[in-house]
Protein backbone atom coordinates (compact mmCIF):
# COMPACT_ATOMS: atom_id res chain seq x y z
CA MET A 1 95.88 -29.52 -54.28
CA SER A 2 95.43 -29.51 -50.52
CA GLU A 3 92.01 -29.59 -48.94
CA THR A 4 90.86 -26.43 -47.15
CA PRO A 5 90.47 -26.99 -43.40
CA THR A 6 87.02 -26.29 -41.99
CA LEU A 7 86.58 -24.22 -38.86
CA THR A 8 84.96 -25.90 -35.90
CA ALA A 9 82.37 -24.58 -33.44
CA ASP A 10 84.97 -22.31 -31.84
CA SER A 11 85.44 -20.50 -35.13
CA VAL A 12 88.12 -17.97 -35.74
CA VAL A 13 85.59 -15.34 -36.76
CA ASN A 14 81.80 -15.26 -36.41
CA LEU A 15 79.17 -13.31 -38.33
CA THR A 16 76.04 -11.99 -36.70
CA GLU A 17 72.79 -12.55 -38.53
CA SER A 18 72.63 -8.87 -39.57
CA ALA A 19 76.18 -9.00 -40.99
CA ALA A 20 75.41 -12.19 -42.91
CA ARG A 21 72.21 -10.65 -44.33
CA GLU A 22 74.07 -7.51 -45.49
CA ILE A 23 76.86 -9.56 -47.09
CA ARG A 24 74.33 -11.69 -49.00
CA GLY A 25 72.65 -8.46 -50.16
CA MET A 26 75.98 -7.06 -51.36
CA ILE A 27 76.60 -10.21 -53.40
CA GLU A 28 73.11 -10.04 -54.92
CA ARG A 29 73.42 -6.31 -55.79
CA ASP A 30 76.80 -6.62 -57.53
CA PRO A 31 77.14 -9.33 -60.22
CA ALA A 32 80.95 -9.03 -59.98
CA ASN A 33 80.72 -10.72 -56.56
CA THR A 34 78.74 -13.74 -57.79
CA GLY A 35 80.47 -16.97 -56.80
CA LYS A 36 82.89 -15.20 -54.44
CA THR A 37 83.14 -15.50 -50.67
CA LEU A 38 83.70 -12.89 -47.99
CA ARG A 39 87.31 -12.82 -46.83
CA VAL A 40 88.01 -11.23 -43.44
CA PHE A 41 91.68 -10.43 -42.96
CA VAL A 42 94.26 -8.53 -40.93
CA GLU A 43 97.21 -6.66 -42.43
CA ALA A 44 99.92 -4.31 -41.22
CA GLY A 45 98.83 -0.69 -41.17
CA GLY A 46 96.41 1.69 -39.55
CA CYS A 47 97.11 3.94 -36.61
CA SER A 48 97.41 1.04 -34.14
CA GLY A 49 99.70 -1.30 -36.12
CA LEU A 50 97.24 -3.79 -37.63
CA GLN A 51 94.07 -3.13 -39.58
CA TYR A 52 91.02 -5.13 -40.56
CA GLY A 53 89.92 -5.75 -44.11
CA MET A 54 87.02 -7.44 -45.83
CA VAL A 55 86.80 -8.29 -49.52
CA PHE A 56 84.95 -10.71 -51.78
CA ASP A 57 87.49 -13.28 -52.95
CA GLU A 58 88.16 -16.83 -54.13
CA SER A 59 89.28 -19.56 -51.73
CA ARG A 60 93.04 -20.18 -51.55
CA ALA A 61 95.12 -23.07 -50.26
CA GLY A 62 95.43 -22.90 -46.48
CA ASP A 63 92.30 -20.77 -45.98
CA LEU A 64 90.02 -21.54 -43.07
CA GLN A 65 86.34 -21.37 -43.91
CA ALA A 66 83.03 -21.37 -42.10
CA GLU A 67 79.38 -20.62 -42.80
CA PHE A 68 77.14 -18.42 -40.65
CA HIS A 69 73.45 -17.80 -41.36
CA GLY A 70 73.91 -18.99 -44.95
CA THR A 71 77.01 -16.84 -45.60
CA ARG A 72 80.49 -18.31 -46.14
CA VAL A 73 83.60 -16.65 -44.71
CA LEU A 74 87.28 -17.18 -45.51
CA VAL A 75 90.22 -16.36 -43.22
CA ASP A 76 93.89 -16.86 -44.11
CA GLU A 77 96.26 -18.47 -41.60
CA PHE A 78 98.08 -15.22 -40.66
CA SER A 79 94.81 -13.39 -39.99
CA ALA A 80 93.39 -16.32 -38.03
CA THR A 81 96.02 -15.85 -35.31
CA HIS A 82 94.79 -12.27 -34.76
CA LEU A 83 91.04 -12.86 -35.24
CA LYS A 84 90.39 -15.87 -32.96
CA GLY A 85 87.00 -15.22 -31.34
CA ALA A 86 86.25 -12.03 -33.31
CA VAL A 87 82.66 -11.14 -34.24
CA VAL A 88 81.64 -9.22 -37.37
CA ASP A 89 78.41 -7.27 -36.95
CA PHE A 90 76.49 -4.85 -39.17
CA SER A 91 74.25 -1.92 -38.29
CA ASP A 92 72.31 0.26 -40.74
CA ALA A 93 72.06 3.12 -38.22
CA LEU A 94 72.60 6.58 -39.70
CA SER A 95 75.16 7.41 -37.02
CA GLY A 96 77.89 4.83 -36.45
CA GLY A 97 76.41 2.32 -38.88
CA GLY A 98 78.30 -0.15 -41.07
CA PHE A 99 80.39 -3.23 -40.32
CA LYS A 100 82.06 -3.49 -36.93
CA ILE A 101 84.56 -6.11 -35.79
CA THR A 102 84.74 -6.90 -32.09
CA ASN A 103 88.05 -8.64 -31.41
CA PRO A 104 88.93 -10.09 -27.98
CA ASN A 105 92.61 -10.18 -29.01
CA ALA A 106 92.89 -6.42 -29.50
CA ARG A 107 94.76 -4.85 -26.60
CA GLN A 108 93.99 -1.42 -27.95
CA SER A 109 91.84 -0.15 -30.83
CA CYS A 110 91.88 3.19 -32.58
CA GLY A 111 88.95 5.58 -32.49
CA CYS A 112 87.75 4.59 -35.96
CA GLY A 113 87.59 0.90 -35.01
CA LYS A 114 89.39 -0.19 -38.19
CA SER A 115 92.80 -0.84 -36.66
CA PHE A 116 94.10 -2.40 -33.48
CA GLU A 117 97.16 -3.42 -31.51
CA ALA A 118 97.57 -7.13 -30.82
């Protein structure tokens, strides 16, 4: 079994403190997520060609991993090429709240903020 590479200081994706706190809360509130790690990924789809996804998952061979504010994050190799320098934030505002990914690699994003063009 190969060892999972660890991200360095210039991580592929970063979590803000508020995002890390919300993710830890989600794990605590749902026993099904116990022992799992947040995976941030990119897949084909959405109105701009690529879309973001986040899911609680197990580590796989080839995953990159990092820890921010006590919260671990996994990113697969394909997604890493599209997420380099991205920041995941969370807001609990009534209007426009939720998770938001700011990606410096996105040439164009859709209005919903869930898909982008690389």
